[in-house]
Amino acid sequence: MSYEPVIDRTTLLEGPAHILWDKPAAKAEWKYCWSDGDVKVDLLRTAKEVKVSGLGQIDDPAKDEIIEVEFTPAGNIAGGLLDWMYSGVFSLLPGQSIFGSADSPVWVHTIDGKLLEISNARVTQFPTLQFGTGLPRFSGTAKMTGIIRKGVPRSAADCLFKAIVAEPFTAIPSIGEWVHLPCLATWALPTPRTIMTNQDGWTFRAGHTISPRYNPDVGTFDFRLEQVAVSASCTPINISDADLLSAAVIGADRRLGKSGANADLTLAEDAPGITAVLRNARLTEKPIIYGEGKPRAGQITWQAFYGTGGIASLGYSE
């Protein structure tokens, strides 16, 4: 039998998508997190191995199924987006759910007009936030995890996602969401320090540990905050080697067991912009560099510690 292949080019589907994170009734009010590059959607099925002696594995029934969505945020910021991007972790305590009491649907909307609704998803891997007008707003990828809806059996058709539907893509990025203004960085020591950086600006990291909750008959049904970790780093150009050895910056007591100097570190952009506050921030990495064409201070890292007002706050003011 001869084989003569043919291709229907209309079945070759290509093109980008963006993340729709808030979908009120009025389409004009839909809120997008614009992506830069691919949006990857993966329906992850974890299988149970069924094996017998001499025959090996004879079956692989599902023991869990979730959805993961990976994307690189392009950098737009609007009211509510930061809280969504970081799953509200700055207002949570260890042991609390990032999903909360209500389901959190998210949509992947292709520019050729297809809409995939993920029934209940939150961001579980956070991108790095950057301060500095000449820098991208975010660095790295974000990952959302979709889990089964609250109080819904897995037999329900929309327990994890809904069938893809046609929905014309009419959104246009708002220029006002891309404003990235200068940042005033202040470390509130007894003698406050205003910190200027080199061309790399500031990086703000939420290194929280988030872990799933699993039931053998339901699968993954929640993600909980386990540990909190917030840090900020920069290469300052107005801190000297003497500063990094001074009592005012690192503390006067060299005896072991003594705490170093600490105070709130505030990164405040001009409005409209972002303000991040690291509570009780302490220097954890403070190298001194002696080299050609390099600031005397290397890349310095501050770590936040719990205090009044929690460990950190992150907000956007218009």
C-alpha atoms as a PDB file:
ATOM      1  CA  MET A   1       0.000   0.000   0.000  1.00  0.00           C
ATOM      2  CA  SER A   2       1.418   3.383  -0.973  1.00  0.00           C
ATOM      3  CA  TYR A   3       1.471   6.200   1.529  1.00  0.00           C
ATOM      4  CA  GLU A   4       0.984   9.741   0.257  1.00  0.00           C
ATOM      5  CA  PRO A   5       1.140  12.177   3.196  1.00  0.00           C
ATOM      6  CA  VAL A   6      -0.834  15.392   3.147  1.00  0.00           C
ATOM      7  CA  ILE A   7      -0.968  18.238   5.685  1.00  0.00           C
ATOM      8  CA  ASP A   8      -3.871  20.504   6.546  1.00  0.00           C
ATOM      9  CA  ARG A   9      -2.022  23.639   7.653  1.00  0.00           C
ATOM     10  CA  THR A  10      -5.083  24.932   9.485  1.00  0.00           C
ATOM     11  CA  THR A  11      -4.526  22.261  12.142  1.00  0.00           C
ATOM     12  CA  LEU A  12      -1.074  23.617  13.008  1.00  0.00           C
ATOM     13  CA  LEU A  13      -1.789  25.880  15.967  1.00  0.00           C
ATOM     14  CA  GLU A  14       0.815  28.379  17.105  1.00  0.00           C
ATOM     15  CA  GLY A  15       0.973  31.693  18.929  1.00  0.00           C
ATOM     16  CA  PRO A  16       1.430  33.233  22.378  1.00  0.00           C
ATOM     17  CA  ALA A  17      -0.845  33.577  25.392  1.00  0.00           C
ATOM     18  CA  HIS A  18      -1.134  35.775  28.463  1.00  0.00           C
ATOM     19  CA  ILE A  19      -2.367  35.189  32.008  1.00  0.00           C
ATOM     20  CA  LEU A  20      -5.778  36.505  32.983  1.00  0.00           C
ATOM     21  CA  TRP A  21      -5.807  36.683  36.784  1.00  0.00           C
ATOM     22  CA  ASP A  22      -8.982  38.690  37.468  1.00  0.00           C
ATOM     23  CA  LYS A  23     -12.095  38.238  35.332  1.00  0.00           C
ATOM     24  CA  PRO A  24     -15.064  40.365  36.423  1.00  0.00           C
ATOM     25  CA  ALA A  25     -18.296  40.387  34.440  1.00  0.00           C
ATOM     26  CA  ALA A  26     -17.327  43.394  32.318  1.00  0.00           C
ATOM     27  CA  LYS A  27     -14.715  42.288  29.786  1.00  0.00           C
ATOM     28  CA  ALA A  28     -13.198  45.765  29.678  1.00  0.00           C
ATOM     29  CA  GLU A  29     -12.202  45.289  33.324  1.00  0.00           C
ATOM     30  CA  TRP A  30     -10.361  41.991  32.866  1.00  0.00           C
ATOM     31  CA  LYS A  31      -6.869  42.121  34.377  1.00  0.00           C
ATOM     32  CA  TYR A  32      -3.898  40.460  32.722  1.00  0.00           C
ATOM     33  CA  CYS A  33      -0.411  39.588  33.803  1.00  0.00           C
ATOM     34  CA  TRP A  34       1.323  40.001  30.472  1.00  0.00           C
ATOM     35  CA  SER A  35       3.896  37.336  29.673  1.00  0.00           C
ATOM     36  CA  ASP A  36       7.267  37.614  27.989  1.00  0.00           C
ATOM     37  CA  GLY A  37       7.951  34.437  26.047  1.00  0.00           C
ATOM     38  CA  ASP A  38       6.279  31.059  26.305  1.00  0.00           C
ATOM     39  CA  VAL A  39       3.449  30.120  28.619  1.00  0.00           C
ATOM     40  CA  LYS A  40       3.808  26.436  29.432  1.00  0.00           C
ATOM     41  CA  VAL A  41       0.798  24.476  30.693  1.00  0.00           C
ATOM     42  CA  ASP A  42       1.436  20.962  31.981  1.00  0.00           C
ATOM     43  CA  LEU A  43      -1.187  18.509  33.245  1.00  0.00           C
ATOM     44  CA  LEU A  44       0.929  16.473  35.658  1.00  0.00           C
ATOM     45  CA  ARG A  45      -0.281  12.983  36.399  1.00  0.00           C
ATOM     46  CA  THR A  46       1.488  11.018  39.123  1.00  0.00           C
ATOM     47  CA  ALA A  47       1.083   7.294  38.667  1.00  0.00           C
ATOM     48  CA  LYS A  48       1.053   4.410  41.097  1.00  0.00           C
ATOM     49  CA  GLU A  49       3.187   1.462  40.028  1.00  0.00           C
ATOM     50  CA  VAL A  50       1.425  -1.897  40.000  1.00  0.00           C
ATOM     51  CA  LYS A  51       4.012  -4.666  39.648  1.00  0.00           C
ATOM     52  CA  VAL A  52       4.070  -8.444  39.837  1.00  0.00           C
ATOM     53  CA  SER A  53       7.052 -10.747  40.023  1.00  0.00           C
ATOM     54  CA  GLY A  54       8.381 -11.863  36.669  1.00  0.00           C
ATOM     55  CA  LEU A  55       6.178  -9.519  34.661  1.00  0.00           C
ATOM     56  CA  GLY A  56       7.198  -6.158  36.018  1.00  0.00           C
ATOM     57  CA  GLN A  57       4.826  -3.217  35.901  1.00  0.00           C
ATOM     58  CA  ILE A  58       1.369  -4.169  34.647  1.00  0.00           C
ATOM     59  CA  ASP A  59      -0.554  -0.931  35.289  1.00  0.00           C
ATOM     60  CA  ASP A  60      -0.109   2.729  36.230  1.00  0.00           C
ATOM     61  CA  PRO A  61      -3.331   4.081  37.791  1.00  0.00           C
ATOM     62  CA  ALA A  62      -3.313   7.762  38.712  1.00  0.00           C
ATOM     63  CA  LYS A  63      -2.634   8.661  42.328  1.00  0.00           C
ATOM     64  CA  ASP A  64      -2.583  12.428  41.805  1.00  0.00           C
ATOM     65  CA  GLU A  65      -3.122  15.039  39.119  1.00  0.00           C
ATOM     66  CA  ILE A  66      -2.384  18.762  39.175  1.00  0.00           C
ATOM     67  CA  ILE A  67      -1.764  21.514  36.617  1.00  0.00           C
ATOM     68  CA  GLU A  68       1.371  23.633  36.451  1.00  0.00           C
ATOM     69  CA  VAL A  69       1.675  26.855  34.454  1.00  0.00           C
ATOM     70  CA  GLU A  70       5.082  28.443  33.943  1.00  0.00           C
ATOM     71  CA  PHE A  71       5.554  31.907  32.484  1.00  0.00           C
ATOM     72  CA  THR A  72       7.862  34.908  32.618  1.00  0.00           C
ATOM     73  CA  PRO A  73       6.036  38.080  33.724  1.00  0.00           C
ATOM     74  CA  ALA A  74       6.644  40.900  31.250  1.00  0.00           C
ATOM     75  CA  GLY A  75       6.546  43.521  34.007  1.00  0.00           C
ATOM     76  CA  ASN A  76       3.193  45.276  34.188  1.00  0.00           C
ATOM     77  CA  ILE A  77       2.012  46.296  37.654  1.00  0.00           C
ATOM     78  CA  ALA A  78      -1.519  47.258  38.689  1.00  0.00           C
ATOM     79  CA  GLY A  79      -3.564  47.275  41.861  1.00  0.00           C
ATOM     80  CA  GLY A  80      -3.882  43.746  43.238  1.00  0.00           C
ATOM     81  CA  LEU A  81      -1.387  42.139  40.871  1.00  0.00           C
ATOM     82  CA  LEU A  82       1.489  42.047  43.370  1.00  0.00           C
ATOM     83  CA  ASP A  83      -0.654  40.320  45.988  1.00  0.00           C
ATOM     84  CA  TRP A  84      -1.751  37.792  43.351  1.00  0.00           C
ATOM     85  CA  MET A  85       1.806  37.276  42.063  1.00  0.00           C
ATOM     86  CA  TYR A  86       3.074  36.470  45.557  1.00  0.00           C
ATOM     87  CA  SER A  87      -0.050  34.563  46.662  1.00  0.00           C
ATOM     88  CA  GLY A  88      -0.607  36.888  49.609  1.00  0.00           C
ATOM     89  CA  VAL A  89       2.277  35.307  51.556  1.00  0.00           C
ATOM     90  CA  PHE A  90       3.321  38.550  53.242  1.00  0.00           C
ATOM     91  CA  SER A  91       0.105  38.523  55.255  1.00  0.00           C
ATOM     92  CA  LEU A  92       0.257  34.804  56.097  1.00  0.00           C
ATOM     93  CA  LEU A  93       1.804  32.899  58.986  1.00  0.00           C
ATOM     94  CA  PRO A  94       3.472  29.489  58.697  1.00  0.00           C
ATOM     95  CA  GLY A  95       0.839  26.786  58.522  1.00  0.00           C
ATOM     96  CA  GLN A  96      -1.736  28.910  56.700  1.00  0.00           C
ATOM     97  CA  SER A  97      -3.095  28.116  53.237  1.00  0.00           C
ATOM     98  CA  ILE A  98      -2.076  30.191  50.221  1.00  0.00           C
ATOM     99  CA  PHE A  99      -5.435  29.272  48.656  1.00  0.00           C
ATOM    100  CA  GLY A 100      -7.570  30.677  51.432  1.00  0.00           C
ATOM    101  CA  SER A 101     -11.261  30.000  51.895  1.00  0.00           C
ATOM    102  CA  ALA A 102     -12.362  30.450  48.275  1.00  0.00           C
ATOM    103  CA  ASP A 103     -11.185  28.956  44.995  1.00  0.00           C
ATOM    104  CA  SER A 104      -8.862  31.073  42.842  1.00  0.00           C
ATOM    105  CA  PRO A 105      -9.521  30.548  39.131  1.00  0.00           C
ATOM    106  CA  VAL A 106      -6.917  31.668  36.599  1.00  0.00           C
ATOM    107  CA  TRP A 107      -7.184  31.786  32.821  1.00  0.00           C
ATOM    108  CA  VAL A 108      -4.675  31.283  30.004  1.00  0.00           C
ATOM    109  CA  HIS A 109      -5.884  33.426  27.097  1.00  0.00           C
ATOM    110  CA  THR A 110      -4.328  33.006  23.665  1.00  0.00           C
ATOM    111  CA  ILE A 111      -4.184  35.971  21.314  1.00  0.00           C
ATOM    112  CA  ASP A 112      -5.938  33.888  18.662  1.00  0.00           C
ATOM    113  CA  GLY A 113      -8.982  33.700  20.918  1.00  0.00           C
ATOM    114  CA  LYS A 114      -8.881  30.516  23.016  1.00  0.00           C
ATOM    115  CA  LEU A 115      -9.521  30.584  26.772  1.00  0.00           C
ATOM    116  CA  LEU A 116      -8.446  27.872  29.212  1.00  0.00           C
ATOM    117  CA  GLU A 117      -9.826  28.189  32.737  1.00  0.00           C
ATOM    118  CA  ILE A 118      -7.866  26.540  35.530  1.00  0.00           C
ATOM    119  CA  SER A 119     -10.391  26.126  38.296  1.00  0.00           C
ATOM    120  CA  ASN A 120      -8.195  26.776  41.336  1.00  0.00           C
ATOM    121  CA  ALA A 121      -4.586  27.949  41.022  1.00  0.00           C
ATOM    122  CA  ARG A 122      -2.075  30.056  42.914  1.00  0.00           C
ATOM    123  CA  VAL A 123       1.507  31.115  42.277  1.00  0.00           C
ATOM    124  CA  THR A 124       3.832  28.683  44.082  1.00  0.00           C
ATOM    125  CA  GLN A 125       7.180  29.800  42.631  1.00  0.00           C
ATOM    126  CA  PHE A 126       7.819  33.519  42.828  1.00  0.00           C
ATOM    127  CA  PRO A 127       9.862  35.616  40.395  1.00  0.00           C
ATOM    128  CA  THR A 128      12.527  38.011  41.660  1.00  0.00           C
ATOM    129  CA  LEU A 129      11.347  41.617  41.872  1.00  0.00           C
ATOM    130  CA  GLN A 130      13.765  44.305  40.687  1.00  0.00           C
ATOM    131  CA  PHE A 131      14.056  47.973  41.618  1.00  0.00           C
ATOM    132  CA  GLY A 132      15.806  50.334  39.198  1.00  0.00           C
ATOM    133  CA  THR A 133      14.331  52.267  36.295  1.00  0.00           C
ATOM    134  CA  GLY A 134      16.582  50.712  33.649  1.00  0.00           C
ATOM    135  CA  LEU A 135      15.932  47.117  34.705  1.00  0.00           C
ATOM    136  CA  PRO A 136      13.185  44.597  33.933  1.00  0.00           C
ATOM    137  CA  ARG A 137      10.489  44.638  36.604  1.00  0.00           C
ATOM    138  CA  PHE A 138      10.754  40.872  37.200  1.00  0.00           C
ATOM    139  CA  SER A 139      13.585  38.414  36.754  1.00  0.00           C
ATOM    140  CA  GLY A 140      13.039  34.704  36.265  1.00  0.00           C
ATOM    141  CA  THR A 141       9.914  32.645  35.811  1.00  0.00           C
ATOM    142  CA  ALA A 142       6.771  32.288  37.877  1.00  0.00           C
ATOM    143  CA  LYS A 143       4.980  28.996  38.363  1.00  0.00           C
ATOM    144  CA  MET A 144       1.315  28.521  39.188  1.00  0.00           C
ATOM    145  CA  THR A 145      -0.052  25.264  40.528  1.00  0.00           C
ATOM    146  CA  GLY A 146      -3.656  24.254  39.928  1.00  0.00           C
ATOM    147  CA  ILE A 147      -5.292  21.843  42.373  1.00  0.00           C
ATOM    148  CA  ILE A 148      -8.737  20.355  42.882  1.00  0.00           C
ATOM    149  CA  ARG A 149     -11.504  22.769  43.792  1.00  0.00           C
ATOM    150  CA  LYS A 150     -12.668  23.085  47.377  1.00  0.00           C
ATOM    151  CA  GLY A 151     -15.401  20.607  48.318  1.00  0.00           C
ATOM    152  CA  VAL A 152     -15.671  19.173  44.782  1.00  0.00           C
ATOM    153  CA  PRO A 153     -15.171  15.476  43.922  1.00  0.00           C
ATOM    154  CA  ARG A 154     -12.715  14.483  41.218  1.00  0.00           C
ATOM    155  CA  SER A 155     -15.597  13.079  39.203  1.00  0.00           C
ATOM    156  CA  ALA A 156     -16.806  16.643  38.572  1.00  0.00           C
ATOM    157  CA  ALA A 157     -16.034  17.827  35.038  1.00  0.00           C
ATOM    158  CA  ASP A 158     -14.512  21.117  36.184  1.00  0.00           C
ATOM    159  CA  CYS A 159     -12.748  19.904  39.329  1.00  0.00           C
ATOM    160  CA  LEU A 160      -9.361  20.886  37.884  1.00  0.00           C
ATOM    161  CA  PHE A 161     -10.011  22.821  34.675  1.00  0.00           C
ATOM    162  CA  LYS A 162     -12.724  23.591  32.163  1.00  0.00           C
ATOM    163  CA  ALA A 163     -12.808  22.781  28.479  1.00  0.00           C
ATOM    164  CA  ILE A 164     -11.100  25.356  26.258  1.00  0.00           C
ATOM    165  CA  VAL A 165     -13.616  27.790  24.787  1.00  0.00           C
ATOM    166  CA  ALA A 166     -13.517  30.474  22.116  1.00  0.00           C
ATOM    167  CA  GLU A 167     -13.118  33.991  23.517  1.00  0.00           C
ATOM    168  CA  PRO A 168     -11.845  36.845  21.311  1.00  0.00           C
ATOM    169  CA  PHE A 169      -8.679  38.466  22.616  1.00  0.00           C
ATOM    170  CA  THR A 170      -9.293  42.215  22.706  1.00  0.00           C
ATOM    171  CA  ALA A 171      -7.001  43.393  25.536  1.00  0.00           C
ATOM    172  CA  ILE A 172      -4.279  45.974  24.965  1.00  0.00           C
ATOM    173  CA  PRO A 173      -1.472  46.661  27.466  1.00  0.00           C
ATOM    174  CA  SER A 174      -2.025  49.874  29.414  1.00  0.00           C
ATOM    175  CA  ILE A 175       1.051  52.113  29.339  1.00  0.00           C
ATOM    176  CA  GLY A 176       0.256  53.254  32.872  1.00  0.00           C
ATOM    177  CA  GLU A 177       0.967  49.740  34.170  1.00  0.00           C
ATOM    178  CA  TRP A 178       4.584  49.820  32.971  1.00  0.00           C
ATOM    179  CA  VAL A 179       5.816  52.830  34.960  1.00  0.00           C
ATOM    180  CA  HIS A 180       9.126  52.043  36.686  1.00  0.00           C
ATOM    181  CA  LEU A 181      10.355  55.065  38.659  1.00  0.00           C
ATOM    182  CA  PRO A 182      13.462  55.694  40.801  1.00  0.00           C
ATOM    183  CA  CYS A 183      13.759  53.967  44.161  1.00  0.00           C
ATOM    184  CA  LEU A 184      14.843  55.506  47.474  1.00  0.00           C
ATOM    185  CA  ALA A 185      16.525  52.859  49.643  1.00  0.00           C
ATOM    186  CA  THR A 186      16.838  53.616  53.360  1.00  0.00           C
ATOM    187  CA  TRP A 187      18.232  51.439  56.131  1.00  0.00           C
ATOM    188  CA  ALA A 188      16.818  52.887  59.344  1.00  0.00           C
ATOM    189  CA  LEU A 189      19.811  52.445  61.627  1.00  0.00           C
ATOM    190  CA  PRO A 190      20.237  54.950  64.516  1.00  0.00           C
ATOM    191  CA  THR A 191      22.103  56.948  61.893  1.00  0.00           C
ATOM    192  CA  PRO A 192      19.962  56.136  58.812  1.00  0.00           C
ATOM    193  CA  ARG A 193      21.767  55.172  55.628  1.00  0.00           C
ATOM    194  CA  THR A 194      20.531  56.019  52.135  1.00  0.00           C
ATOM    195  CA  ILE A 195      21.964  53.467  49.733  1.00  0.00           C
ATOM    196  CA  MET A 196      22.809  54.073  46.078  1.00  0.00           C
ATOM    197  CA  THR A 197      23.505  51.082  43.844  1.00  0.00           C
ATOM    198  CA  ASN A 198      25.491  50.333  40.726  1.00  0.00           C
ATOM    199  CA  GLN A 199      23.841  49.526  37.378  1.00  0.00           C
ATOM    200  CA  ASP A 200      22.338  46.279  38.711  1.00  0.00           C
ATOM    201  CA  GLY A 201      19.880  48.024  41.047  1.00  0.00           C
ATOM    202  CA  TRP A 202      18.070  46.128  43.797  1.00  0.00           C
ATOM    203  CA  THR A 203      16.717  42.590  43.806  1.00  0.00           C
ATOM    204  CA  PHE A 204      13.944  41.553  46.204  1.00  0.00           C
ATOM    205  CA  ARG A 205      13.418  37.849  46.819  1.00  0.00           C
ATOM    206  CA  ALA A 206      10.600  36.015  48.530  1.00  0.00           C
ATOM    207  CA  GLY A 207      12.160  32.654  49.292  1.00  0.00           C
ATOM    208  CA  HIS A 208       9.185  31.223  51.130  1.00  0.00           C
ATOM    209  CA  THR A 209       8.851  27.459  51.438  1.00  0.00           C
ATOM    210  CA  ILE A 210       5.424  26.275  50.301  1.00  0.00           C
ATOM    211  CA  SER A 211       4.476  22.618  50.491  1.00  0.00           C
ATOM    212  CA  PRO A 212       1.483  20.602  49.268  1.00  0.00           C
ATOM    213  CA  ARG A 213      -1.116  18.800  51.340  1.00  0.00           C
ATOM    214  CA  TYR A 214      -2.142  15.394  49.975  1.00  0.00           C
ATOM    215  CA  ASN A 215      -4.849  12.832  50.639  1.00  0.00           C
ATOM    216  CA  PRO A 216      -4.610   9.381  48.990  1.00  0.00           C
ATOM    217  CA  ASP A 217      -8.267   9.472  47.914  1.00  0.00           C
ATOM    218  CA  VAL A 218      -8.371  13.124  46.819  1.00  0.00           C
ATOM    219  CA  GLY A 219      -4.821  13.937  45.775  1.00  0.00           C
ATOM    220  CA  THR A 220      -3.244  17.348  46.340  1.00  0.00           C
ATOM    221  CA  PHE A 221      -5.882  19.606  47.875  1.00  0.00           C
ATOM    222  CA  ASP A 222      -3.902  22.540  49.336  1.00  0.00           C
ATOM    223  CA  PHE A 223      -0.540  24.302  49.615  1.00  0.00           C
ATOM    224  CA  ARG A 224       0.606  25.662  52.966  1.00  0.00           C
ATOM    225  CA  LEU A 225       3.235  28.166  53.982  1.00  0.00           C
ATOM    226  CA  GLU A 226       6.030  26.343  55.825  1.00  0.00           C
ATOM    227  CA  GLN A 227       8.835  28.864  56.249  1.00  0.00           C
ATOM    228  CA  VAL A 228       9.302  32.510  55.380  1.00  0.00           C
ATOM    229  CA  ALA A 229      12.462  34.047  53.976  1.00  0.00           C
ATOM    230  CA  VAL A 230      12.773  37.546  52.539  1.00  0.00           C
ATOM    231  CA  SER A 231      15.975  39.170  51.348  1.00  0.00           C
ATOM    232  CA  ALA A 232      17.176  42.096  49.263  1.00  0.00           C
ATOM    233  CA  SER A 233      20.550  42.615  47.648  1.00  0.00           C
ATOM    234  CA  CYS A 234      22.494  45.233  45.730  1.00  0.00           C
ATOM    235  CA  THR A 235      26.010  46.410  44.988  1.00  0.00           C
ATOM    236  CA  PRO A 236      26.182  49.820  46.697  1.00  0.00           C
ATOM    237  CA  ILE A 237      28.386  52.616  45.398  1.00  0.00           C
ATOM    238  CA  ASN A 238      28.200  54.835  48.485  1.00  0.00           C
ATOM    239  CA  ILE A 239      29.264  52.321  51.149  1.00  0.00           C
ATOM    240  CA  SER A 240      32.982  52.020  51.842  1.00  0.00           C
ATOM    241  CA  ASP A 241      35.145  49.267  53.251  1.00  0.00           C
ATOM    242  CA  ALA A 242      35.323  51.267  56.491  1.00  0.00           C
ATOM    243  CA  ASP A 243      31.493  51.335  56.595  1.00  0.00           C
ATOM    244  CA  LEU A 244      31.327  47.557  56.284  1.00  0.00           C
ATOM    245  CA  LEU A 245      33.633  47.187  59.276  1.00  0.00           C
ATOM    246  CA  SER A 246      32.085  49.920  61.386  1.00  0.00           C
ATOM    247  CA  ALA A 247      30.148  49.381  64.592  1.00  0.00           C
ATOM    248  CA  ALA A 248      27.233  51.393  63.196  1.00  0.00           C
ATOM    249  CA  VAL A 249      26.718  48.918  60.343  1.00  0.00           C
ATOM    250  CA  ILE A 250      27.670  45.505  61.713  1.00  0.00           C
ATOM    251  CA  GLY A 251      27.661  46.073  65.478  1.00  0.00           C
ATOM    252  CA  ALA A 252      30.480  46.875  67.892  1.00  0.00           C
ATOM    253  CA  ASP A 253      30.710  43.587  69.795  1.00  0.00           C
ATOM    254  CA  ARG A 254      32.958  40.885  68.300  1.00  0.00           C
ATOM    255  CA  ARG A 255      32.024  38.266  70.900  1.00  0.00           C
ATOM    256  CA  LEU A 256      30.251  35.206  69.595  1.00  0.00           C
ATOM    257  CA  GLY A 257      26.550  34.930  70.361  1.00  0.00           C
ATOM    258  CA  LYS A 258      25.903  38.637  69.875  1.00  0.00           C
ATOM    259  CA  SER A 259      23.398  39.952  67.315  1.00  0.00           C
ATOM    260  CA  GLY A 260      24.452  42.330  64.578  1.00  0.00           C
ATOM    261  CA  ALA A 261      22.979  45.730  63.812  1.00  0.00           C
ATOM    262  CA  ASN A 262      19.449  45.577  62.424  1.00  0.00           C
ATOM    263  CA  ALA A 263      16.758  47.998  61.299  1.00  0.00           C
ATOM    264  CA  ASP A 264      13.974  48.183  58.727  1.00  0.00           C
ATOM    265  CA  LEU A 265      15.178  48.402  55.125  1.00  0.00           C
ATOM    266  CA  THR A 266      12.729  50.288  52.889  1.00  0.00           C
ATOM    267  CA  LEU A 267      12.787  50.285  49.083  1.00  0.00           C
ATOM    268  CA  ALA A 268      10.334  52.993  48.019  1.00  0.00           C
ATOM    269  CA  GLU A 269       9.697  53.929  44.392  1.00  0.00           C
ATOM    270  CA  ASP A 270       8.177  57.241  43.438  1.00  0.00           C
ATOM    271  CA  ALA A 271       4.413  56.976  42.939  1.00  0.00           C
ATOM    272  CA  PRO A 272       2.993  55.201  41.119  1.00  0.00           C
ATOM    273  CA  GLY A 273       5.299  52.485  42.309  1.00  0.00           C
ATOM    274  CA  ILE A 274       6.187  49.683  44.664  1.00  0.00           C
ATOM    275  CA  THR A 275       7.287  49.909  48.283  1.00  0.00           C
ATOM    276  CA  ALA A 276       8.983  46.954  49.968  1.00  0.00           C
ATOM    277  CA  VAL A 277       9.900  46.910  53.652  1.00  0.00           C
ATOM    278  CA  LEU A 278      12.180  44.274  55.178  1.00  0.00           C
ATOM    279  CA  ARG A 279      11.657  44.203  58.934  1.00  0.00           C
ATOM    280  CA  ASN A 280      14.703  44.061  61.227  1.00  0.00           C
ATOM    281  CA  ALA A 281      16.986  43.704  58.216  1.00  0.00           C
ATOM    282  CA  ARG A 282      20.516  42.515  58.904  1.00  0.00           C
ATOM    283  CA  LEU A 283      23.532  42.141  56.662  1.00  0.00           C
ATOM    284  CA  THR A 284      24.142  38.466  55.918  1.00  0.00           C
ATOM    285  CA  GLU A 285      26.591  38.889  53.031  1.00  0.00           C
ATOM    286  CA  LYS A 286      28.911  41.906  53.087  1.00  0.00           C
ATOM    287  CA  PRO A 287      32.050  41.325  51.025  1.00  0.00           C
ATOM    288  CA  ILE A 288      34.668  44.015  50.547  1.00  0.00           C
ATOM    289  CA  ILE A 289      36.152  44.064  47.045  1.00  0.00           C
ATOM    290  CA  TYR A 290      39.533  45.525  46.138  1.00  0.00           C
ATOM    291  CA  GLY A 291      39.771  45.520  42.356  1.00  0.00           C
ATOM    292  CA  GLU A 292      39.966  47.636  39.235  1.00  0.00           C
ATOM    293  CA  GLY A 293      36.763  49.383  38.252  1.00  0.00           C
ATOM    294  CA  LYS A 294      34.734  47.785  41.050  1.00  0.00           C
ATOM    295  CA  PRO A 295      32.885  49.386  43.965  1.00  0.00           C
ATOM    296  CA  ARG A 296      34.626  48.818  47.280  1.00  0.00           C
ATOM    297  CA  ALA A 297      31.526  46.981  48.508  1.00  0.00           C
ATOM    298  CA  GLY A 298      30.602  43.774  46.710  1.00  0.00           C
ATOM    299  CA  GLN A 299      27.057  42.472  46.343  1.00  0.00           C
ATOM    300  CA  ILE A 300      25.519  42.928  49.768  1.00  0.00           C
ATOM    301  CA  THR A 301      22.504  41.006  51.041  1.00  0.00           C
ATOM    302  CA  TRP A 302      20.061  41.989  53.769  1.00  0.00           C
ATOM    303  CA  GLN A 303      17.817  39.374  55.364  1.00  0.00           C
ATOM    304  CA  ALA A 304      14.557  40.227  57.095  1.00  0.00           C
ATOM    305  CA  PHE A 305      13.684  38.910  60.551  1.00  0.00           C
ATOM    306  CA  TYR A 306      10.289  38.761  62.228  1.00  0.00           C
ATOM    307  CA  GLY A 307       9.281  41.780  64.272  1.00  0.00           C
ATOM    308  CA  THR A 308       6.393  44.184  64.736  1.00  0.00           C
ATOM    309  CA  GLY A 309       4.456  44.160  61.474  1.00  0.00           C
ATOM    310  CA  GLY A 310       5.650  40.694  60.441  1.00  0.00           C
ATOM    311  CA  ILE A 311       8.724  39.915  58.383  1.00  0.00           C
ATOM    312  CA  ALA A 312       8.127  42.103  55.322  1.00  0.00           C
ATOM    313  CA  SER A 313       5.514  44.026  53.395  1.00  0.00           C
ATOM    314  CA  LEU A 314       5.090  44.645  49.690  1.00  0.00           C
ATOM    315  CA  GLY A 315       2.624  47.110  48.228  1.00  0.00           C
ATOM    316  CA  TYR A 316       1.798  49.258  45.233  1.00  0.00           C
ATOM    317  CA  SER A 317       0.629  52.864  45.419  1.00  0.00           C
ATOM    318  CA  GLU A 318      -0.951  54.657  42.491  1.00  0.00           C
END
